[in-house]
PDB file of N, CA and C in Angstrom:
ATOM      1  N   MET A   1      11.921 -15.637 153.313  1.00  0.00           N
ATOM      2  CA  MET A   1      10.483 -15.456 153.108  1.00  0.00           C
ATOM      3  C   MET A   1       9.850 -16.832 152.959  1.00  0.00           C
ATOM      4  N   LYS A   2       8.653 -16.975 153.526  1.00  0.00           N
ATOM      5  CA  LYS A   2       7.906 -18.217 153.415  1.00  0.00           C
ATOM      6  C   LYS A   2       6.734 -17.999 152.449  1.00  0.00           C
ATOM      7  N   VAL A   3       6.696 -18.812 151.378  1.00  0.00           N
ATOM      8  CA  VAL A   3       5.688 -18.674 150.323  1.00  0.00           C
ATOM      9  C   VAL A   3       4.788 -19.909 150.322  1.00  0.00           C
ATOM     10  N   LEU A   4       3.488 -19.698 150.348  1.00  0.00           N
ATOM     11  CA  LEU A   4       2.522 -20.789 150.207  1.00  0.00           C
ATOM     12  C   LEU A   4       1.912 -20.704 148.817  1.00  0.00           C
ATOM     13  N   ILE A   5       2.028 -21.785 148.046  1.00  0.00           N
ATOM     14  CA  ILE A   5       1.431 -21.845 146.708  1.00  0.00           C
ATOM     15  C   ILE A   5       0.289 -22.852 146.757  1.00  0.00           C
ATOM     16  N   ILE A   6      -0.900 -22.391 146.371  1.00  0.00           N
ATOM     17  CA  ILE A   6      -2.082 -23.260 146.375  1.00  0.00           C
ATOM     18  C   ILE A   6      -2.563 -23.419 144.938  1.00  0.00           C
ATOM     19  N   ASP A   7      -2.489 -24.644 144.427  1.00  0.00           N
ATOM     20  CA  ASP A   7      -2.902 -24.940 143.044  1.00  0.00           C
ATOM     21  C   ASP A   7      -3.224 -26.422 142.969  1.00  0.00           C
ATOM     22  N   ASP A   8      -4.180 -26.787 142.134  1.00  0.00           N
ATOM     23  CA  ASP A   8      -4.581 -28.197 142.055  1.00  0.00           C
ATOM     24  C   ASP A   8      -3.750 -29.006 141.059  1.00  0.00           C
ATOM     25  N   GLU A   9      -2.747 -28.394 140.447  1.00  0.00           N
ATOM     26  CA  GLU A   9      -1.890 -29.115 139.507  1.00  0.00           C
ATOM     27  C   GLU A   9      -0.476 -29.228 140.076  1.00  0.00           C
ATOM     28  N   GLN A  10      -0.033 -30.462 140.288  1.00  0.00           N
ATOM     29  CA  GLN A  10       1.287 -30.723 140.872  1.00  0.00           C
ATOM     30  C   GLN A  10       2.414 -30.076 140.054  1.00  0.00           C
ATOM     31  N   ALA A  11       2.318 -30.138 138.733  1.00  0.00           N
ATOM     32  CA  ALA A  11       3.364 -29.569 137.873  1.00  0.00           C
ATOM     33  C   ALA A  11       3.476 -28.055 138.070  1.00  0.00           C
ATOM     34  N   ILE A  12       2.352 -27.395 138.234  1.00  0.00           N
ATOM     35  CA  ILE A  12       2.336 -25.941 138.458  1.00  0.00           C
ATOM     36  C   ILE A  12       3.001 -25.625 139.804  1.00  0.00           C
ATOM     37  N   LEU A  13       2.662 -26.406 140.821  1.00  0.00           N
ATOM     38  CA  LEU A  13       3.254 -26.190 142.143  1.00  0.00           C
ATOM     39  C   LEU A  13       4.774 -26.263 142.065  1.00  0.00           C
ATOM     40  N   LYS A  14       5.277 -27.295 141.399  1.00  0.00           N
ATOM     41  CA  LYS A  14       6.726 -27.479 141.278  1.00  0.00           C
ATOM     42  C   LYS A  14       7.357 -26.346 140.470  1.00  0.00           C
ATOM     43  N   MET A  15       6.727 -26.012 139.346  1.00  0.00           N
ATOM     44  CA  MET A  15       7.279 -25.007 138.431  1.00  0.00           C
ATOM     45  C   MET A  15       7.410 -23.635 139.107  1.00  0.00           C
ATOM     46  N   TYR A  16       6.393 -23.228 139.863  1.00  0.00           N
ATOM     47  CA  TYR A  16       6.437 -21.911 140.498  1.00  0.00           C
ATOM     48  C   TYR A  16       7.248 -21.903 141.787  1.00  0.00           C
ATOM     49  N   ALA A  17       7.483 -23.079 142.370  1.00  0.00           N
ATOM     50  CA  ALA A  17       8.314 -23.149 143.581  1.00  0.00           C
ATOM     51  C   ALA A  17       9.789 -22.909 143.255  1.00  0.00           C
ATOM     52  N   VAL A  18      10.234 -23.339 142.065  1.00  0.00           N
ATOM     53  CA  VAL A  18      11.651 -23.305 141.695  1.00  0.00           C
ATOM     54  C   VAL A  18      12.311 -21.925 141.880  1.00  0.00           C
ATOM     55  N   PRO A  19      11.779 -20.850 141.298  1.00  0.00           N
ATOM     56  CA  PRO A  19      12.497 -19.571 141.440  1.00  0.00           C
ATOM     57  C   PRO A  19      12.533 -19.056 142.887  1.00  0.00           C
ATOM     58  N   PHE A  20      11.506 -19.366 143.671  1.00  0.00           N
ATOM     59  CA  PHE A  20      11.518 -18.942 145.075  1.00  0.00           C
ATOM     60  C   PHE A  20      12.582 -19.716 145.853  1.00  0.00           C
ATOM     61  N   GLU A  21      12.630 -21.031 145.629  1.00  0.00           N
ATOM     62  CA  GLU A  21      13.625 -21.854 146.310  1.00  0.00           C
ATOM     63  C   GLU A  21      15.042 -21.463 145.897  1.00  0.00           C
ATOM     64  N   ALA A  22      15.211 -21.137 144.608  1.00  0.00           N
ATOM     65  CA  ALA A  22      16.526 -20.713 144.110  1.00  0.00           C
ATOM     66  C   ALA A  22      16.983 -19.423 144.795  1.00  0.00           C
ATOM     67  N   ALA A  23      16.020 -18.590 145.195  1.00  0.00           N
ATOM     68  CA  ALA A  23      16.346 -17.332 145.877  1.00  0.00           C
ATOM     69  C   ALA A  23      16.492 -17.531 147.389  1.00  0.00           C
ATOM     70  N   GLY A  24      16.352 -18.786 147.836  1.00  0.00           N
ATOM     71  CA  GLY A  24      16.511 -19.074 149.254  1.00  0.00           C
ATOM     72  C   GLY A  24      15.238 -18.975 150.070  1.00  0.00           C
ATOM     73  N   ASP A  25      14.094 -18.829 149.398  1.00  0.00           N
ATOM     74  CA  ASP A  25      12.825 -18.748 150.109  1.00  0.00           C
ATOM     75  C   ASP A  25      12.329 -20.145 150.465  1.00  0.00           C
ATOM     76  N   GLU A  26      11.557 -20.236 151.531  1.00  0.00           N
ATOM     77  CA  GLU A  26      10.917 -21.494 151.906  1.00  0.00           C
ATOM     78  C   GLU A  26       9.589 -21.564 151.159  1.00  0.00           C
ATOM     79  N   VAL A  27       9.305 -22.701 150.520  1.00  0.00           N
ATOM     80  CA  VAL A  27       8.065 -22.852 149.766  1.00  0.00           C
ATOM     81  C   VAL A  27       7.249 -23.998 150.344  1.00  0.00           C
ATOM     82  N   ILE A  28       5.978 -23.713 150.601  1.00  0.00           N
ATOM     83  CA  ILE A  28       5.022 -24.715 151.046  1.00  0.00           C
ATOM     84  C   ILE A  28       4.001 -24.827 149.922  1.00  0.00           C
ATOM     85  N   THR A  29       3.605 -26.045 149.565  1.00  0.00           N
ATOM     86  CA  THR A  29       2.619 -26.194 148.498  1.00  0.00           C
ATOM     87  C   THR A  29       1.396 -26.940 149.011  1.00  0.00           C
ATOM     88  N   ALA A  30       0.247 -26.559 148.468  1.00  0.00           N
ATOM     89  CA  ALA A  30      -1.022 -27.209 148.804  1.00  0.00           C
ATOM     90  C   ALA A  30      -1.743 -27.550 147.506  1.00  0.00           C
ATOM     91  N   ILE A  31      -2.232 -28.778 147.407  1.00  0.00           N
ATOM     92  CA  ILE A  31      -2.843 -29.281 146.173  1.00  0.00           C
ATOM     93  C   ILE A  31      -4.336 -28.938 146.067  1.00  0.00           C
ATOM     94  N   ASP A  32      -4.911 -28.345 147.110  1.00  0.00           N
ATOM     95  CA  ASP A  32      -6.318 -27.919 147.035  1.00  0.00           C
ATOM     96  C   ASP A  32      -6.564 -26.788 148.030  1.00  0.00           C
ATOM     97  N   GLY A  33      -7.705 -26.152 147.883  1.00  0.00           N
ATOM     98  CA  GLY A  33      -8.029 -24.990 148.704  1.00  0.00           C
ATOM     99  C   GLY A  33      -8.154 -25.296 150.183  1.00  0.00           C
ATOM    100  N   GLN A  34      -8.749 -26.429 150.517  1.00  0.00           N
ATOM    101  CA  GLN A  34      -8.940 -26.795 151.916  1.00  0.00           C
ATOM    102  C   GLN A  34      -7.589 -26.977 152.618  1.00  0.00           C
ATOM    103  N   THR A  35      -6.681 -27.698 151.957  1.00  0.00           N
ATOM    104  CA  THR A  35      -5.338 -27.894 152.509  1.00  0.00           C
ATOM    105  C   THR A  35      -4.622 -26.547 152.615  1.00  0.00           C
ATOM    106  N   GLY A  36      -4.789 -25.708 151.587  1.00  0.00           N
ATOM    107  CA  GLY A  36      -4.170 -24.386 151.592  1.00  0.00           C
ATOM    108  C   GLY A  36      -4.618 -23.535 152.765  1.00  0.00           C
ATOM    109  N   LEU A  37      -5.907 -23.574 153.078  1.00  0.00           N
ATOM    110  CA  LEU A  37      -6.425 -22.819 154.222  1.00  0.00           C
ATOM    111  C   LEU A  37      -5.770 -23.294 155.521  1.00  0.00           C
ATOM    112  N   GLN A  38      -5.661 -24.614 155.664  1.00  0.00           N
ATOM    113  CA  GLN A  38      -5.060 -25.181 156.866  1.00  0.00           C
ATOM    114  C   GLN A  38      -3.579 -24.786 156.975  1.00  0.00           C
ATOM    115  N   PHE A  39      -2.850 -24.892 155.843  1.00  0.00           N
ATOM    116  CA  PHE A  39      -1.430 -24.515 155.840  1.00  0.00           C
ATOM    117  C   PHE A  39      -1.257 -23.034 156.150  1.00  0.00           C
ATOM    118  N   ALA A  40      -2.162 -22.193 155.649  1.00  0.00           N
ATOM    119  CA  ALA A  40      -2.071 -20.752 155.917  1.00  0.00           C
ATOM    120  C   ALA A  40      -2.160 -20.499 157.421  1.00  0.00           C
ATOM    121  N   LYS A  41      -3.049 -21.219 158.105  1.00  0.00           N
ATOM    122  CA  LYS A  41      -3.194 -21.064 159.559  1.00  0.00           C
ATOM    123  C   LYS A  41      -1.992 -21.637 160.302  1.00  0.00           C
ATOM    124  N   ASP A  42      -1.561 -22.831 159.897  1.00  0.00           N
ATOM    125  CA  ASP A  42      -0.502 -23.536 160.623  1.00  0.00           C
ATOM    126  C   ASP A  42       0.902 -22.990 160.358  1.00  0.00           C
ATOM    127  N   GLN A  43       1.154 -22.559 159.124  1.00  0.00           N
ATOM    128  CA  GLN A  43       2.513 -22.196 158.708  1.00  0.00           C
ATOM    129  C   GLN A  43       2.794 -20.694 158.708  1.00  0.00           C
ATOM    130  N   ALA A  44       1.759 -19.875 158.759  1.00  0.00           N
ATOM    131  CA  ALA A  44       1.898 -18.407 158.741  1.00  0.00           C
ATOM    132  C   ALA A  44       2.872 -17.926 157.655  1.00  0.00           C
ATOM    133  N   PRO A  45       2.542 -18.172 156.374  1.00  0.00           N
ATOM    134  CA  PRO A  45       3.442 -17.725 155.299  1.00  0.00           C
ATOM    135  C   PRO A  45       3.465 -16.202 155.188  1.00  0.00           C
ATOM    136  N   ASN A  46       4.524 -15.695 154.521  1.00  0.00           N
ATOM    137  CA  ASN A  46       4.624 -14.249 154.279  1.00  0.00           C
ATOM    138  C   ASN A  46       3.762 -13.821 153.111  1.00  0.00           C
ATOM    139  N   VAL A  47       3.467 -14.762 152.205  1.00  0.00           N
ATOM    140  CA  VAL A  47       2.643 -14.467 151.031  1.00  0.00           C
ATOM    141  C   VAL A  47       2.018 -15.773 150.539  1.00  0.00           C
ATOM    142  N   ILE A  48       0.846 -15.641 149.904  1.00  0.00           N
ATOM    143  CA  ILE A  48       0.161 -16.799 149.329  1.00  0.00           C
ATOM    144  C   ILE A  48      -0.075 -16.550 147.848  1.00  0.00           C
ATOM    145  N   LEU A  49       0.330 -17.512 147.010  1.00  0.00           N
ATOM    146  CA  LEU A  49      -0.010 -17.506 145.590  1.00  0.00           C
ATOM    147  C   LEU A  49      -1.161 -18.479 145.440  1.00  0.00           C
ATOM    148  N   LEU A  50      -2.261 -18.012 144.875  1.00  0.00           N
ATOM    149  CA  LEU A  50      -3.505 -18.774 144.900  1.00  0.00           C
ATOM    150  C   LEU A  50      -4.125 -18.895 143.516  1.00  0.00           C
ATOM    151  N   ASP A  51      -4.357 -20.134 143.093  1.00  0.00           N
ATOM    152  CA  ASP A  51      -5.070 -20.399 141.844  1.00  0.00           C
ATOM    153  C   ASP A  51      -6.561 -20.177 142.083  1.00  0.00           C
ATOM    154  N   ILE A  52      -7.314 -19.831 141.042  1.00  0.00           N
ATOM    155  CA  ILE A  52      -8.759 -19.642 141.194  1.00  0.00           C
ATOM    156  C   ILE A  52      -9.526 -20.921 140.887  1.00  0.00           C
ATOM    157  N   ILE A  53      -9.233 -21.539 139.738  1.00  0.00           N
ATOM    158  CA  ILE A  53     -10.000 -22.708 139.309  1.00  0.00           C
ATOM    159  C   ILE A  53      -9.439 -23.967 139.968  1.00  0.00           C
ATOM    160  N   MET A  54     -10.140 -24.430 141.007  1.00  0.00           N
ATOM    161  CA  MET A  54      -9.755 -25.655 141.707  1.00  0.00           C
ATOM    162  C   MET A  54     -11.029 -26.414 142.082  1.00  0.00           C
ATOM    163  N   PRO A  55     -10.935 -27.744 142.187  1.00  0.00           N
ATOM    164  CA  PRO A  55     -12.116 -28.513 142.591  1.00  0.00           C
ATOM    165  C   PRO A  55     -12.468 -28.258 144.057  1.00  0.00           C
ATOM    166  N   ARG A  56     -13.652 -28.565 144.429  1.00  0.00           N
ATOM    167  CA  ARG A  56     -14.198 -28.428 145.781  1.00  0.00           C
ATOM    168  C   ARG A  56     -14.256 -26.986 146.263  1.00  0.00           C
ATOM    169  N   VAL A  57     -13.134 -26.398 146.650  1.00  0.00           N
ATOM    170  CA  VAL A  57     -13.122 -25.003 147.124  1.00  0.00           C
ATOM    171  C   VAL A  57     -12.307 -24.184 146.132  1.00  0.00           C
ATOM    172  N   ASN A  58     -12.961 -23.262 145.404  1.00  0.00           N
ATOM    173  CA  ASN A  58     -12.207 -22.471 144.413  1.00  0.00           C
ATOM    174  C   ASN A  58     -11.422 -21.354 145.107  1.00  0.00           C
ATOM    175  N   GLY A  59     -10.491 -20.767 144.340  1.00  0.00           N
ATOM    176  CA  GLY A  59      -9.593 -19.775 144.903  1.00  0.00           C
ATOM    177  C   GLY A  59     -10.266 -18.544 145.473  1.00  0.00           C
ATOM    178  N   LEU A  60     -11.338 -18.077 144.855  1.00  0.00           N
ATOM    179  CA  LEU A  60     -12.023 -16.891 145.377  1.00  0.00           C
ATOM    180  C   LEU A  60     -12.666 -17.197 146.727  1.00  0.00           C
ATOM    181  N   ASP A  61     -13.181 -18.431 146.887  1.00  0.00           N
ATOM    182  CA  ASP A  61     -13.732 -18.832 148.184  1.00  0.00           C
ATOM    183  C   ASP A  61     -12.620 -18.940 149.236  1.00  0.00           C
ATOM    184  N   VAL A  62     -11.473 -19.476 148.825  1.00  0.00           N
ATOM    185  CA  VAL A  62     -10.323 -19.567 149.734  1.00  0.00           C
ATOM    186  C   VAL A  62      -9.910 -18.165 150.167  1.00  0.00           C
ATOM    187  N   LEU A  63      -9.808 -17.248 149.212  1.00  0.00           N
ATOM    188  CA  LEU A  63      -9.428 -15.865 149.516  1.00  0.00           C
ATOM    189  C   LEU A  63     -10.402 -15.244 150.513  1.00  0.00           C
ATOM    190  N   LYS A  64     -11.680 -15.442 150.272  1.00  0.00           N
ATOM    191  CA  LYS A  64     -12.703 -14.897 151.163  1.00  0.00           C
ATOM    192  C   LYS A  64     -12.530 -15.440 152.586  1.00  0.00           C
ATOM    193  N   LYS A  65     -12.304 -16.758 152.692  1.00  0.00           N
ATOM    194  CA  LYS A  65     -12.122 -17.376 154.010  1.00  0.00           C
ATOM    195  C   LYS A  65     -10.848 -16.891 154.690  1.00  0.00           C
ATOM    196  N   LEU A  66      -9.775 -16.724 153.907  1.00  0.00           N
ATOM    197  CA  LEU A  66      -8.521 -16.206 154.473  1.00  0.00           C
ATOM    198  C   LEU A  66      -8.734 -14.827 155.078  1.00  0.00           C
ATOM    199  N   LYS A  67      -9.472 -13.979 154.375  1.00  0.00           N
ATOM    200  CA  LYS A  67      -9.667 -12.596 154.820  1.00  0.00           C
ATOM    201  C   LYS A  67     -10.685 -12.490 155.957  1.00  0.00           C
ATOM    202  N   GLU A  68     -11.533 -13.512 156.131  1.00  0.00           N
ATOM    203  CA  GLU A  68     -12.505 -13.513 157.230  1.00  0.00           C
ATOM    204  C   GLU A  68     -11.885 -14.007 158.535  1.00  0.00           C
ATOM    205  N   ASP A  69     -10.799 -14.766 158.443  1.00  0.00           N
ATOM    206  CA  ASP A  69     -10.171 -15.383 159.610  1.00  0.00           C
ATOM    207  C   ASP A  69      -9.102 -14.441 160.170  1.00  0.00           C
ATOM    208  N   THR A  70      -9.218 -14.079 161.442  1.00  0.00           N
ATOM    209  CA  THR A  70      -8.267 -13.135 162.031  1.00  0.00           C
ATOM    210  C   THR A  70      -6.833 -13.666 162.029  1.00  0.00           C
ATOM    211  N   SER A  71      -6.656 -14.987 162.013  1.00  0.00           N
ATOM    212  CA  SER A  71      -5.292 -15.533 162.039  1.00  0.00           C
ATOM    213  C   SER A  71      -4.614 -15.488 160.664  1.00  0.00           C
ATOM    214  N   THR A  72      -5.401 -15.277 159.598  1.00  0.00           N
ATOM    215  CA  THR A  72      -4.822 -15.271 158.250  1.00  0.00           C
ATOM    216  C   THR A  72      -5.129 -13.998 157.455  1.00  0.00           C
ATOM    217  N   GLN A  73      -5.942 -13.111 157.982  1.00  0.00           N
ATOM    218  CA  GLN A  73      -6.414 -11.979 157.174  1.00  0.00           C
ATOM    219  C   GLN A  73      -5.325 -11.000 156.760  1.00  0.00           C
ATOM    220  N   LYS A  74      -4.217 -10.947 157.473  1.00  0.00           N
ATOM    221  CA  LYS A  74      -3.152  -9.995 157.130  1.00  0.00           C
ATOM    222  C   LYS A  74      -2.122 -10.575 156.151  1.00  0.00           C
ATOM    223  N   ILE A  75      -2.233 -11.859 155.808  1.00  0.00           N
ATOM    224  CA  ILE A  75      -1.290 -12.474 154.870  1.00  0.00           C
ATOM    225  C   ILE A  75      -1.603 -11.966 153.463  1.00  0.00           C
ATOM    226  N   PRO A  76      -0.631 -11.377 152.768  1.00  0.00           N
ATOM    227  CA  PRO A  76      -0.880 -10.904 151.397  1.00  0.00           C
ATOM    228  C   PRO A  76      -1.160 -12.098 150.469  1.00  0.00           C
ATOM    229  N   VAL A  77      -2.189 -11.939 149.632  1.00  0.00           N
ATOM    230  CA  VAL A  77      -2.570 -12.992 148.682  1.00  0.00           C
ATOM    231  C   VAL A  77      -2.476 -12.436 147.266  1.00  0.00           C
ATOM    232  N   ILE A  78      -1.826 -13.202 146.399  1.00  0.00           N
ATOM    233  CA  ILE A  78      -1.729 -12.855 144.982  1.00  0.00           C
ATOM    234  C   ILE A  78      -2.371 -13.991 144.197  1.00  0.00           C
ATOM    235  N   LEU A  79      -3.359 -13.661 143.399  1.00  0.00           N
ATOM    236  CA  LEU A  79      -3.992 -14.687 142.578  1.00  0.00           C
ATOM    237  C   LEU A  79      -3.102 -14.990 141.380  1.00  0.00           C
ATOM    238  N   LEU A  80      -2.889 -16.265 141.132  1.00  0.00           N
ATOM    239  CA  LEU A  80      -2.062 -16.739 140.027  1.00  0.00           C
ATOM    240  C   LEU A  80      -2.918 -17.734 139.266  1.00  0.00           C
ATOM    241  N   THR A  81      -3.436 -17.302 138.118  1.00  0.00           N
ATOM    242  CA  THR A  81      -4.466 -18.087 137.451  1.00  0.00           C
ATOM    243  C   THR A  81      -4.342 -17.980 135.939  1.00  0.00           C
ATOM    244  N   ASN A  82      -5.131 -18.760 135.232  1.00  0.00           N
ATOM    245  CA  ASN A  82      -5.170 -18.625 133.781  1.00  0.00           C
ATOM    246  C   ASN A  82      -6.432 -17.924 133.308  1.00  0.00           C
ATOM    247  N   LEU A  83      -7.241 -17.468 134.248  1.00  0.00           N
ATOM    248  CA  LEU A  83      -8.407 -16.675 133.847  1.00  0.00           C
ATOM    249  C   LEU A  83      -7.923 -15.303 133.398  1.00  0.00           C
ATOM    250  N   PRO A  84      -8.470 -14.785 132.297  1.00  0.00           N
ATOM    251  CA  PRO A  84      -8.070 -13.437 131.880  1.00  0.00           C
ATOM    252  C   PRO A  84      -8.403 -12.419 132.970  1.00  0.00           C
ATOM    253  N   GLU A  85      -7.571 -11.400 133.042  1.00  0.00           N
ATOM    254  CA  GLU A  85      -7.737 -10.403 134.098  1.00  0.00           C
ATOM    255  C   GLU A  85      -9.138  -9.798 134.141  1.00  0.00           C
ATOM    256  N   GLU A  86      -9.750  -9.615 132.978  1.00  0.00           N
ATOM    257  CA  GLU A  86     -11.074  -8.988 132.954  1.00  0.00           C
ATOM    258  C   GLU A  86     -12.081  -9.789 133.767  1.00  0.00           C
ATOM    259  N   CYS A  87     -11.868 -11.098 133.863  1.00  0.00           N
ATOM    260  CA  CYS A  87     -12.829 -11.961 134.549  1.00  0.00           C
ATOM    261  C   CYS A  87     -12.862 -11.727 136.047  1.00  0.00           C
ATOM    262  N   SER A  88     -11.700 -11.535 136.645  1.00  0.00           N
ATOM    263  CA  SER A  88     -11.683 -11.612 138.093  1.00  0.00           C
ATOM    264  C   SER A  88     -10.800 -10.623 138.836  1.00  0.00           C
ATOM    265  N   GLU A  89     -10.039  -9.788 138.138  1.00  0.00           N
ATOM    266  CA  GLU A  89      -9.131  -8.907 138.859  1.00  0.00           C
ATOM    267  C   GLU A  89      -9.873  -7.998 139.834  1.00  0.00           C
ATOM    268  N   ASP A  90     -10.965  -7.389 139.404  1.00  0.00           N
ATOM    269  CA  ASP A  90     -11.723  -6.504 140.294  1.00  0.00           C
ATOM    270  C   ASP A  90     -12.280  -7.276 141.482  1.00  0.00           C
ATOM    271  N   LYS A  91     -12.829  -8.466 141.209  1.00  0.00           N
ATOM    272  CA  LYS A  91     -13.383  -9.303 142.270  1.00  0.00           C
ATOM    273  C   LYS A  91     -12.283  -9.682 143.265  1.00  0.00           C
ATOM    274  N   ALA A  92     -11.107 -10.022 142.752  1.00  0.00           N
ATOM    275  CA  ALA A  92      -9.981 -10.400 143.609  1.00  0.00           C
ATOM    276  C   ALA A  92      -9.600  -9.260 144.544  1.00  0.00           C
ATOM    277  N   LYS A  93      -9.522  -8.049 144.004  1.00  0.00           N
ATOM    278  CA  LYS A  93      -9.149  -6.885 144.827  1.00  0.00           C
ATOM    279  C   LYS A  93     -10.247  -6.581 145.852  1.00  0.00           C
ATOM    280  N   GLU A  94     -11.518  -6.738 145.418  1.00  0.00           N
ATOM    281  CA  GLU A  94     -12.645  -6.550 146.346  1.00  0.00           C
ATOM    282  C   GLU A  94     -12.513  -7.486 147.537  1.00  0.00           C
ATOM    283  N   LEU A  95     -12.093  -8.718 147.256  1.00  0.00           N
ATOM    284  CA  LEU A  95     -11.973  -9.728 148.307  1.00  0.00           C
ATOM    285  C   LEU A  95     -10.676  -9.601 149.111  1.00  0.00           C
ATOM    286  N   GLY A  96      -9.768  -8.727 148.685  1.00  0.00           N
ATOM    287  CA  GLY A  96      -8.579  -8.459 149.478  1.00  0.00           C
ATOM    288  C   GLY A  96      -7.250  -8.923 148.914  1.00  0.00           C
ATOM    289  N   ALA A  97      -7.218  -9.407 147.675  1.00  0.00           N
ATOM    290  CA  ALA A  97      -5.936  -9.803 147.071  1.00  0.00           C
ATOM    291  C   ALA A  97      -5.114  -8.551 146.768  1.00  0.00           C
ATOM    292  N   ILE A  98      -3.782  -8.674 146.850  1.00  0.00           N
ATOM    293  CA  ILE A  98      -2.932  -7.514 146.539  1.00  0.00           C
ATOM    294  C   ILE A  98      -2.459  -7.530 145.091  1.00  0.00           C
ATOM    295  N   GLY A  99      -2.690  -8.645 144.395  1.00  0.00           N
ATOM    296  CA  GLY A  99      -2.248  -8.731 143.009  1.00  0.00           C
ATOM    297  C   GLY A  99      -2.956  -9.841 142.262  1.00  0.00           C
ATOM    298  N   TYR A 100      -2.789  -9.809 140.934  1.00  0.00           N
ATOM    299  CA  TYR A 100      -3.457 -10.771 140.060  1.00  0.00           C
ATOM    300  C   TYR A 100      -2.525 -11.028 138.885  1.00  0.00           C
ATOM    301  N   LEU A 101      -2.018 -12.244 138.777  1.00  0.00           N
ATOM    302  CA  LEU A 101      -1.096 -12.589 137.696  1.00  0.00           C
ATOM    303  C   LEU A 101      -1.674 -13.730 136.863  1.00  0.00           C
ATOM    304  N   VAL A 102      -1.591 -13.581 135.538  1.00  0.00           N
ATOM    305  CA  VAL A 102      -2.069 -14.625 134.628  1.00  0.00           C
ATOM    306  C   VAL A 102      -0.889 -15.536 134.301  1.00  0.00           C
ATOM    307  N   LYS A 103      -1.048 -16.844 134.597  1.00  0.00           N
ATOM    308  CA  LYS A 103       0.044 -17.814 134.400  1.00  0.00           C
ATOM    309  C   LYS A 103       0.607 -17.768 132.984  1.00  0.00           C
ATOM    310  N   ALA A 104      -0.268 -17.758 131.990  1.00  0.00           N
ATOM    311  CA  ALA A 104       0.165 -17.817 130.594  1.00  0.00           C
ATOM    312  C   ALA A 104       0.989 -16.595 130.179  1.00  0.00           C
ATOM    313  N   GLN A 105       0.861 -15.507 130.921  1.00  0.00           N
ATOM    314  CA  GLN A 105       1.570 -14.272 130.577  1.00  0.00           C
ATOM    315  C   GLN A 105       2.828 -14.046 131.417  1.00  0.00           C
ATOM    316  N   ASN A 106       3.098 -14.938 132.372  1.00  0.00           N
ATOM    317  CA  ASN A 106       4.212 -14.724 133.302  1.00  0.00           C
ATOM    318  C   ASN A 106       4.960 -16.025 133.574  1.00  0.00           C
ATOM    319  N   GLU A 107       6.227 -16.073 133.181  1.00  0.00           N
ATOM    320  CA  GLU A 107       7.050 -17.237 133.493  1.00  0.00           C
ATOM    321  C   GLU A 107       7.278 -17.274 135.002  1.00  0.00           C
ATOM    322  N   PRO A 108       7.589 -18.455 135.563  1.00  0.00           N
ATOM    323  CA  PRO A 108       7.783 -18.550 137.017  1.00  0.00           C
ATOM    324  C   PRO A 108       8.781 -17.549 137.592  1.00  0.00           C
ATOM    325  N   ALA A 109       9.897 -17.319 136.929  1.00  0.00           N
ATOM    326  CA  ALA A 109      10.894 -16.368 137.444  1.00  0.00           C
ATOM    327  C   ALA A 109      10.315 -14.949 137.487  1.00  0.00           C
ATOM    328  N   VAL A 110       9.503 -14.606 136.499  1.00  0.00           N
ATOM    329  CA  VAL A 110       8.865 -13.279 136.460  1.00  0.00           C
ATOM    330  C   VAL A 110       7.840 -13.161 137.585  1.00  0.00           C
ATOM    331  N   VAL A 111       7.104 -14.243 137.823  1.00  0.00           N
ATOM    332  CA  VAL A 111       6.138 -14.246 138.928  1.00  0.00           C
ATOM    333  C   VAL A 111       6.863 -13.985 140.244  1.00  0.00           C
ATOM    334  N   ALA A 112       7.979 -14.661 140.471  1.00  0.00           N
ATOM    335  CA  ALA A 112       8.743 -14.464 141.711  1.00  0.00           C
ATOM    336  C   ALA A 112       9.178 -13.004 141.864  1.00  0.00           C
ATOM    337  N   GLU A 113       9.648 -12.402 140.767  1.00  0.00           N
ATOM    338  CA  GLU A 113      10.056 -10.987 140.800  1.00  0.00           C
ATOM    339  C   GLU A 113       8.869 -10.087 141.126  1.00  0.00           C
ATOM    340  N   LYS A 114       7.736 -10.345 140.459  1.00  0.00           N
ATOM    341  CA  LYS A 114       6.547  -9.506 140.671  1.00  0.00           C
ATOM    342  C   LYS A 114       6.019  -9.647 142.099  1.00  0.00           C
ATOM    343  N   VAL A 115       6.082 -10.853 142.647  1.00  0.00           N
ATOM    344  CA  VAL A 115       5.631 -11.063 144.029  1.00  0.00           C
ATOM    345  C   VAL A 115       6.494 -10.227 144.966  1.00  0.00           C
ATOM    346  N   LYS A 116       7.800 -10.252 144.798  1.00  0.00           N
ATOM    347  CA  LYS A 116       8.690  -9.482 145.675  1.00  0.00           C
ATOM    348  C   LYS A 116       8.437  -7.984 145.534  1.00  0.00           C
ATOM    349  N   LYS A 117       8.142  -7.514 144.304  1.00  0.00           N
ATOM    350  CA  LYS A 117       7.822  -6.097 144.099  1.00  0.00           C
ATOM    351  C   LYS A 117       6.508  -5.721 144.796  1.00  0.00           C
ATOM    352  N   LEU A 118       5.485  -6.588 144.633  1.00  0.00           N
ATOM    353  CA  LEU A 118       4.192  -6.299 145.266  1.00  0.00           C
ATOM    354  C   LEU A 118       4.333  -6.245 146.797  1.00  0.00           C
ATOM    355  N   LEU A 119       5.154  -7.116 147.357  1.00  0.00           N
ATOM    356  CA  LEU A 119       5.326  -7.134 148.810  1.00  0.00           C
ATOM    357  C   LEU A 119       6.126  -5.931 149.295  1.00  0.00           C
ATOM    358  N   ALA A 120       6.966  -5.374 148.424  1.00  0.00           N
ATOM    359  CA  ALA A 120       7.796  -4.226 148.799  1.00  0.00           C
ATOM    360  C   ALA A 120       7.016  -2.917 148.803  1.00  0.00           C
ATOM    361  N   THR A 121       5.840  -2.903 148.164  1.00  0.00           N
ATOM    362  CA  THR A 121       5.067  -1.643 148.094  1.00  0.00           C
ATOM    363  C   THR A 121       4.188  -1.452 149.287  1.00  0.00           C
TER     364      THR A 121
END
């Protein structure tokens, strides 16, 4: 499986890549939304983990653009953020995300498990 993680914090990118790589998955990381959009088009990942709070292009805008583009609209997107679910889960689903995980409530290994479960449904 090819996983694209988009987050503006290098430490977060590394931390969440570890359990996927340990399971033999290919991980691509993007440090901002614009780069993430380009990687989504160029790399055709099986799933995208997307932070919401990022400079320049925030995650909800990235999600909207992914779903508007025919080359990326079918890629499952899971928001991985520190915003409480009440803030954005409904908005995320409206925009086409298949899941919403709060970083503070989910260790990286748990996130990897939940991503695989969401993709299996």
